[in-house]
Amino acid sequence: MITANDLKVKGIKAIEKELQERDEAIISFRGKPKYIVLGIEKYDRIRALELDLLYLQAQEEIKSGKAIRISTKKELEEHLKNL
C-alpha cells in the first residue's frame, strides 16, 4: 500500500515499485485505502471481461424476449415509433 504522502514525495516511482510486487497499487489517504492503480495490461483484461459479460447478458435478453435485435434503419425507425 502506498500512502498519499509517499505518492507525493516519490511520485510515479512509488506506483511502479508497488506494481512490480502486486497486480494493483492501493493508495491510502489518512490511513484508509482510497484509490487503486492498475497497470494498463490488467485494466485491459478487466475491461475485456466486462465487455464479454455485457455481450452474454445482451444475448440472454434477446433469447428471453426482454430485448429485440434491430439491424436496419427501417427497424430502428419502427421501434422508435412504438416507444
C-alpha atoms as a PDB file:
ATOM      1  CA  MET A   1       0.000   0.000   0.000  1.00  0.00           C
ATOM      2  CA  ILE A   2       1.230   3.472  -0.865  1.00  0.00           C
ATOM      3  CA  THR A   3       0.452   6.386   1.390  1.00  0.00           C
ATOM      4  CA  ALA A   4      -0.641   9.667  -0.166  1.00  0.00           C
ATOM      5  CA  ASN A   5       2.495  11.198   1.298  1.00  0.00           C
ATOM      6  CA  ASP A   6       4.721   8.546  -0.354  1.00  0.00           C
ATOM      7  CA  LEU A   7       2.991   9.278  -3.634  1.00  0.00           C
ATOM      8  CA  LYS A   8       3.542  12.987  -3.152  1.00  0.00           C
ATOM      9  CA  VAL A   9       7.235  12.522  -2.364  1.00  0.00           C
ATOM     10  CA  LYS A  10       8.182   9.636  -4.673  1.00  0.00           C
ATOM     11  CA  GLY A  11       5.658  10.148  -7.481  1.00  0.00           C
ATOM     12  CA  ILE A  12       5.269   7.524 -10.177  1.00  0.00           C
ATOM     13  CA  LYS A  13       8.264   5.567  -8.836  1.00  0.00           C
ATOM     14  CA  ALA A  14       6.189   4.575  -5.793  1.00  0.00           C
ATOM     15  CA  ILE A  15       3.465   3.226  -8.069  1.00  0.00           C
ATOM     16  CA  GLU A  16       5.931   1.425 -10.323  1.00  0.00           C
ATOM     17  CA  LYS A  17       7.570  -0.271  -7.344  1.00  0.00           C
ATOM     18  CA  GLU A  18       4.219  -1.420  -5.969  1.00  0.00           C
ATOM     19  CA  LEU A  19       3.100  -2.745  -9.367  1.00  0.00           C
ATOM     20  CA  GLN A  20       6.270  -4.828  -9.627  1.00  0.00           C
ATOM     21  CA  GLU A  21       5.204  -6.677  -6.470  1.00  0.00           C
ATOM     22  CA  ARG A  22       1.410  -6.755  -6.921  1.00  0.00           C
ATOM     23  CA  ASP A  23      -1.288  -6.599  -9.596  1.00  0.00           C
ATOM     24  CA  GLU A  24      -2.528  -3.271  -8.304  1.00  0.00           C
ATOM     25  CA  ALA A  25      -1.247  -0.389  -6.209  1.00  0.00           C
ATOM     26  CA  ILE A  26      -3.535   0.760  -3.419  1.00  0.00           C
ATOM     27  CA  ILE A  27      -3.113   4.354  -2.335  1.00  0.00           C
ATOM     28  CA  SER A  28      -4.183   5.206   1.170  1.00  0.00           C
ATOM     29  CA  PHE A  29      -5.280   8.602   2.392  1.00  0.00           C
ATOM     30  CA  ARG A  30      -5.363   9.320   6.106  1.00  0.00           C
ATOM     31  CA  GLY A  31      -4.790   5.661   6.863  1.00  0.00           C
ATOM     32  CA  LYS A  32      -7.643   4.323   4.727  1.00  0.00           C
ATOM     33  CA  PRO A  33      -7.500   2.759   1.245  1.00  0.00           C
ATOM     34  CA  LYS A  34      -8.747   5.382  -1.183  1.00  0.00           C
ATOM     35  CA  TYR A  35      -7.596   4.581  -4.739  1.00  0.00           C
ATOM     36  CA  ILE A  36      -6.428   1.630  -6.815  1.00  0.00           C
ATOM     37  CA  VAL A  37      -3.982   1.993  -9.677  1.00  0.00           C
ATOM     38  CA  LEU A  38      -3.765  -0.794 -12.252  1.00  0.00           C
ATOM     39  CA  GLY A  39      -1.218  -1.418 -14.946  1.00  0.00           C
ATOM     40  CA  ILE A  40      -2.742  -0.934 -18.398  1.00  0.00           C
ATOM     41  CA  GLU A  41      -2.496  -4.658 -19.215  1.00  0.00           C
ATOM     42  CA  LYS A  42      -4.547  -5.579 -16.140  1.00  0.00           C
ATOM     43  CA  TYR A  43      -7.053  -2.820 -16.870  1.00  0.00           C
ATOM     44  CA  ASP A  44      -7.443  -4.048 -20.468  1.00  0.00           C
ATOM     45  CA  ARG A  45      -8.090  -7.616 -19.252  1.00  0.00           C
ATOM     46  CA  ILE A  46     -10.732  -6.421 -16.800  1.00  0.00           C
ATOM     47  CA  ARG A  47     -12.431  -4.274 -19.465  1.00  0.00           C
ATOM     48  CA  ALA A  48     -12.438  -7.194 -21.900  1.00  0.00           C
ATOM     49  CA  LEU A  49     -14.084  -9.417 -19.281  1.00  0.00           C
ATOM     50  CA  GLU A  50     -16.698  -6.740 -18.556  1.00  0.00           C
ATOM     51  CA  LEU A  51     -17.474  -6.383 -22.258  1.00  0.00           C
ATOM     52  CA  ASP A  52     -17.744 -10.166 -22.646  1.00  0.00           C
ATOM     53  CA  LEU A  53     -20.179 -10.279 -19.731  1.00  0.00           C
ATOM     54  CA  LEU A  54     -22.289  -7.468 -21.189  1.00  0.00           C
ATOM     55  CA  TYR A  55     -22.392  -9.280 -24.529  1.00  0.00           C
ATOM     56  CA  LEU A  56     -23.542 -12.511 -22.872  1.00  0.00           C
ATOM     57  CA  GLN A  57     -26.197 -10.614 -20.904  1.00  0.00           C
ATOM     58  CA  ALA A  58     -27.456  -8.988 -24.099  1.00  0.00           C
ATOM     59  CA  GLN A  59     -27.650 -12.387 -25.795  1.00  0.00           C
ATOM     60  CA  GLU A  60     -29.674 -13.766 -22.879  1.00  0.00           C
ATOM     61  CA  GLU A  61     -32.047 -10.796 -23.010  1.00  0.00           C
ATOM     62  CA  ILE A  62     -32.573 -11.355 -26.723  1.00  0.00           C
ATOM     63  CA  LYS A  63     -33.259 -15.073 -26.176  1.00  0.00           C
ATOM     64  CA  SER A  64     -35.696 -14.398 -23.339  1.00  0.00           C
ATOM     65  CA  GLY A  65     -37.581 -11.723 -25.289  1.00  0.00           C
ATOM     66  CA  LYS A  66     -36.547  -8.866 -22.989  1.00  0.00           C
ATOM     67  CA  ALA A  67     -34.664  -7.212 -25.832  1.00  0.00           C
ATOM     68  CA  ILE A  68     -35.027  -7.008 -29.563  1.00  0.00           C
ATOM     69  CA  ARG A  69     -32.470  -7.081 -32.332  1.00  0.00           C
ATOM     70  CA  ILE A  70     -32.516  -4.126 -34.709  1.00  0.00           C
ATOM     71  CA  SER A  71     -30.360  -4.469 -37.792  1.00  0.00           C
ATOM     72  CA  THR A  72     -31.787  -1.963 -40.258  1.00  0.00           C
ATOM     73  CA  LYS A  73     -32.648   1.702 -40.244  1.00  0.00           C
ATOM     74  CA  LYS A  74     -36.270   0.822 -41.004  1.00  0.00           C
ATOM     75  CA  GLU A  75     -36.446  -1.479 -37.966  1.00  0.00           C
ATOM     76  CA  LEU A  76     -34.959   1.275 -35.818  1.00  0.00           C
ATOM     77  CA  GLU A  77     -37.479   3.844 -37.052  1.00  0.00           C
ATOM     78  CA  GLU A  78     -40.344   1.428 -36.404  1.00  0.00           C
ATOM     79  CA  HIS A  79     -39.061   0.693 -32.917  1.00  0.00           C
ATOM     80  CA  LEU A  80     -38.740   4.406 -32.124  1.00  0.00           C
ATOM     81  CA  LYS A  81     -42.334   4.972 -33.266  1.00  0.00           C
ATOM     82  CA  ASN A  82     -43.504   2.235 -30.904  1.00  0.00           C
ATOM     83  CA  LEU A  83     -41.719   3.835 -27.994  1.00  0.00           C
END
